[in-house]
Protein backbone atom coordinates (compact mmCIF):
# COMPACT_ATOMS: atom_id res chain seq x y z
CA ALA A 1 -17.63 -27.35 2.92
CA ARG A 2 -18.99 -26.45 6.36
CA TYR A 3 -21.20 -23.72 4.90
CA ARG A 4 -22.34 -26.10 2.17
CA GLU A 5 -23.57 -28.41 4.92
CA GLN A 6 -25.96 -25.62 5.95
CA HIS A 7 -27.27 -25.29 2.38
CA PRO A 8 -26.04 -26.78 -0.93
CA GLU A 9 -26.29 -23.39 -2.70
CA PHE A 10 -23.06 -22.26 -1.05
CA GLU A 11 -20.99 -22.97 -4.17
CA PRO A 12 -18.11 -20.53 -4.53
CA ASP A 13 -15.86 -20.71 -7.57
CA VAL A 14 -12.43 -21.35 -6.01
CA GLN A 15 -9.54 -20.52 -8.35
CA VAL A 16 -5.78 -20.69 -7.89
CA ARG A 17 -4.39 -17.94 -10.11
CA GLU A 18 -1.00 -16.71 -11.27
CA ASP A 19 -2.30 -13.12 -11.62
CA VAL A 20 -3.49 -12.73 -8.01
CA ALA A 21 -1.52 -11.80 -4.89
CA GLY A 22 -2.74 -13.32 -1.64
CA LEU A 23 -6.37 -14.28 -1.26
CA LEU A 24 -9.43 -12.25 -2.20
CA VAL A 25 -13.11 -12.52 -3.05
CA SER A 26 -14.75 -11.16 -6.18
CA GLY A 27 -18.46 -11.93 -6.42
CA ARG A 28 -18.77 -15.68 -5.93
CA LYS A 29 -15.09 -16.26 -6.76
CA LEU A 30 -12.48 -17.05 -4.11
CA LEU A 31 -9.18 -16.19 -5.80
CA ILE A 32 -5.92 -17.53 -4.36
CA GLY A 33 -2.51 -16.46 -5.62
CA ALA A 34 -0.50 -19.46 -6.79
CA ASP A 35 2.57 -18.35 -4.82
CA THR A 36 0.69 -17.39 -1.65
CA VAL A 37 2.41 -18.42 1.57
CA MET A 38 1.27 -17.40 5.04
CA PRO A 39 1.65 -18.47 8.66
CA ARG A 40 -0.80 -21.18 9.66
CA ARG A 41 -2.02 -18.99 12.54
CA ARG A 42 -3.30 -16.39 10.02
CA LEU A 43 -5.32 -18.84 7.95
CA ASP A 44 -8.45 -19.21 10.09
CA ALA A 45 -8.76 -15.43 10.51
CA LEU A 46 -8.29 -14.83 6.79
CA LEU A 47 -10.89 -17.45 5.88
CA ALA A 48 -13.31 -15.99 8.44
CA HIS A 49 -12.84 -12.60 6.75
CA GLU A 50 -13.02 -13.66 3.11
CA VAL A 51 -15.36 -16.67 3.28
CA GLY A 52 -17.31 -15.97 6.48
CA VAL A 53 -18.13 -12.38 5.49
CA HIS A 54 -17.55 -11.58 1.81
CA LEU A 55 -18.64 -14.88 0.24
CA LEU A 56 -21.36 -15.43 2.84
CA THR A 57 -23.01 -12.04 2.23
CA HIS A 58 -22.75 -12.62 -1.52
CA PHE A 59 -24.69 -15.89 -1.32
CA ASN A 60 -27.20 -14.53 1.20
CA GLY A 61 -27.67 -11.49 -1.00
CA ALA A 62 -28.13 -13.66 -4.10
CA ALA A 63 -31.01 -15.46 -2.34
CA GLN A 64 -32.94 -12.17 -2.07
CA GLY A 65 -33.81 -12.08 -5.77
CA LEU A 66 -32.48 -8.53 -6.26
CA THR A 67 -28.89 -8.50 -7.50
CA ILE A 68 -28.13 -5.30 -5.57
CA PHE A 69 -28.08 -7.30 -2.32
CA ARG A 70 -25.23 -9.46 -3.59
CA THR A 71 -23.27 -6.71 -5.37
CA GLY A 72 -23.73 -4.09 -2.65
CA LEU A 73 -25.96 -1.16 -1.75
CA ALA A 74 -24.47 2.36 -1.70
CA GLY A 75 -21.80 2.82 0.95
CA TYR A 76 -21.65 -0.85 1.96
CA GLU A 77 -17.86 -1.19 1.69
CA GLY A 78 -16.96 0.32 5.07
CA VAL A 79 -19.13 -1.96 7.17
CA GLN A 80 -18.35 -4.95 4.93
CA GLU A 81 -14.61 -4.63 5.52
CA GLY A 82 -15.27 -3.75 9.16
CA LEU A 83 -17.20 -7.01 9.50
CA GLY A 84 -14.27 -8.79 7.86
CA VAL A 85 -11.85 -7.45 10.48
CA PHE A 86 -14.44 -8.22 13.18
CA ALA A 87 -14.47 -11.80 11.87
CA GLU A 88 -10.70 -11.93 12.31
CA TRP A 89 -11.14 -10.72 15.91
CA ALA A 90 -14.01 -13.12 16.64
CA SER A 91 -11.98 -16.07 15.35
CA GLY A 92 -9.03 -15.13 17.56
CA GLY A 93 -6.80 -13.95 14.74
CA LEU A 94 -6.70 -10.16 15.09
CA THR A 95 -3.19 -9.69 16.43
CA ARG A 96 -1.39 -6.48 17.37
CA THR A 97 0.68 -6.94 14.22
CA ARG A 98 -2.44 -7.08 12.05
CA LEU A 99 -3.98 -4.02 13.75
CA ARG A 100 -0.70 -2.16 13.29
CA LEU A 101 -0.73 -3.06 9.58
CA LEU A 102 -4.30 -1.74 9.18
CA ALA A 103 -3.33 1.47 10.99
CA GLY A 104 -0.23 1.84 8.80
CA ARG A 105 -2.42 1.67 5.72
CA VAL A 106 -4.59 4.49 7.10
CA VAL A 107 -1.48 6.62 7.67
CA ALA A 108 -0.30 5.85 4.12
CA VAL A 109 -3.66 6.72 2.54
CA ASP A 110 -3.81 9.98 4.48
CA ALA A 111 -0.31 10.92 3.36
CA MET A 112 -1.05 10.01 -0.27
CA GLN A 113 -4.19 12.14 -0.27
CA ARG A 114 -2.15 15.05 1.07
CA GLY A 115 0.20 14.77 -1.91
CA ALA A 116 2.97 12.56 -0.54
CA THR A 117 4.92 10.44 -3.02
CA PHE A 118 5.61 6.71 -2.74
CA LEU A 119 9.04 7.46 -1.27
CA ASP A 120 7.58 10.01 1.18
CA VAL A 121 5.16 7.39 2.49
CA HIS A 122 7.87 4.75 2.74
CA ARG A 123 10.12 7.13 4.71
CA ALA A 124 7.29 8.17 7.05
CA LEU A 125 6.36 4.58 7.82
CA THR A 126 9.94 3.55 8.55
CA LYS A 127 11.29 6.66 10.29
CA GLU A 128 8.18 7.93 12.11
CA HIS A 129 6.20 4.75 12.75
CA GLY A 130 8.84 2.04 13.07
CA PHE A 131 7.86 -0.23 10.17
CA SER A 132 10.53 -2.33 8.55
CA SER A 133 11.63 -1.27 5.07
CA GLN A 134 9.95 -4.34 3.57
CA GLY A 135 6.73 -3.78 5.53
CA ALA A 136 6.61 -0.11 4.56
CA PHE A 137 7.23 -0.99 0.91
CA GLY A 138 4.31 -3.44 0.96
CA ILE A 139 1.95 -0.88 2.46
CA ALA A 140 3.04 1.87 0.06
CA ALA A 141 2.77 -0.45 -2.94
CA ARG A 142 -0.76 -1.47 -1.93
CA VAL A 143 -1.89 2.14 -1.48
CA PHE A 144 -0.24 3.53 -4.63
CA ARG A 145 -1.24 0.68 -6.97
CA SER A 146 -3.27 1.58 -10.06
CA GLY A 147 -2.44 5.25 -9.62
CA GLY A 148 -3.52 5.40 -5.98
CA LEU A 149 -6.31 3.62 -4.10
CA ALA A 150 -7.70 4.98 -0.84
CA LYS A 151 -9.93 2.01 0.03
CA ASP A 152 -7.53 0.69 2.67
CA ALA A 153 -8.53 3.54 4.98
CA ILE A 154 -11.95 1.96 5.55
CA TYR A 155 -10.81 -1.30 7.16
CA LEU A 156 -9.92 0.23 10.51
CA GLN A 157 -12.75 2.77 10.35
CA GLY A 158 -15.24 0.03 9.50
CA PHE A 159 -13.98 -2.20 12.33
CA ARG A 160 -14.40 0.63 14.83
CA GLY A 161 -17.92 1.18 13.50
CA VAL A 162 -18.82 -2.50 13.92
CA MET A 163 -17.40 -2.54 17.45
CA GLU A 164 -19.55 0.50 18.29
CA ILE A 165 -22.63 -1.37 17.04
CA VAL A 166 -21.75 -4.36 19.23
CA ALA A 167 -20.92 -2.11 22.23
CA ARG A 168 -24.38 -0.56 22.21
CA GLY A 169 -25.99 -4.00 22.17
CA ALA A 170 -27.32 -3.92 18.60
CA TRP A 171 -27.49 -7.05 16.46
CA LEU A 172 -25.20 -7.75 13.52
CA ALA A 173 -27.82 -10.08 12.02
CA PRO A 174 -29.12 -7.59 9.39
CA PHE A 175 -25.64 -7.33 7.88
CA TRP A 176 -25.51 -11.04 7.02
CA LEU A 177 -28.56 -10.68 4.74
CA GLY A 178 -26.49 -9.06 1.99
CA LYS A 179 -23.99 -6.30 1.32
CA ILE A 180 -25.61 -3.31 3.04
CA ALA A 181 -24.53 -0.19 4.93
CA VAL A 182 -25.43 0.84 8.49
CA ALA A 183 -27.93 3.38 7.12
CA HIS A 184 -29.94 0.58 5.48
CA VAL A 185 -30.57 -1.42 8.68
CA PRO A 186 -33.95 0.17 9.64
CA ALA A 187 -35.32 -0.41 6.13
CA ILE A 188 -33.97 -3.97 6.05
CA GLU A 189 -35.60 -4.76 9.42
CA GLU A 190 -38.93 -3.44 8.11
CA LEU A 191 -38.61 -5.45 4.89
CA LEU A 192 -37.89 -8.56 6.99
CA GLN A 193 -41.01 -7.97 9.09
CA ARG A 194 -43.09 -7.58 5.92
CA GLY A 195 -41.61 -10.74 4.45
CA LEU A 196 -40.23 -8.88 1.44
CA VAL A 197 -36.67 -10.09 2.02
CA GLN A 198 -35.46 -13.40 3.42
CA ALA A 199 -33.63 -13.91 6.68
CA PRO A 200 -29.97 -14.83 6.10
CA ARG A 201 -29.61 -18.38 4.85
CA PHE A 202 -26.03 -18.58 6.10
CA ILE A 203 -24.76 -17.29 9.45
CA PRO A 204 -21.00 -16.89 9.98
CA LEU A 205 -19.46 -19.88 11.72
CA PHE A 206 -17.49 -17.60 14.04
């Protein structure tokens, strides 16, 4: 509602679904699992991540006229998820527990890619890294789903990349224009100067 006050075109399709775990964004859809329960203190950070980055860049990208800006240019995922974690930090919700979870996923992905089994990863997380059995199971299940997905490794890597951008005094503004990668920033800035793309219609509230 607060983004819609900035411009009425911010119209995500919010769905409560039985076939979704947690909360995620797909295109203009905000999908919420029907049985999702979380601590109140996590909610603002999660909304900053999912709504303030993923939905926001979708709608800004859609305003460009070329669908690639809303679906994502090559290699955009790392910085997109890094911005999501940065949003959690900027909204005061990036706790040590959350950082530890992101790091645990990196460890699990690395082990999986080296040939470890589900049980190997679970044992490593509990015995070597001090995760609870339930926490380790959740991480392993997320990494091994659908035959094995390595995407979770990019969250922490992307966050470090975004923090490096901020540390050297560069702007994050180009990344709000749509779903782009770091390599696209010089071209985007030139296109902005030429008036061939629009400045971001929505800026993250955080």
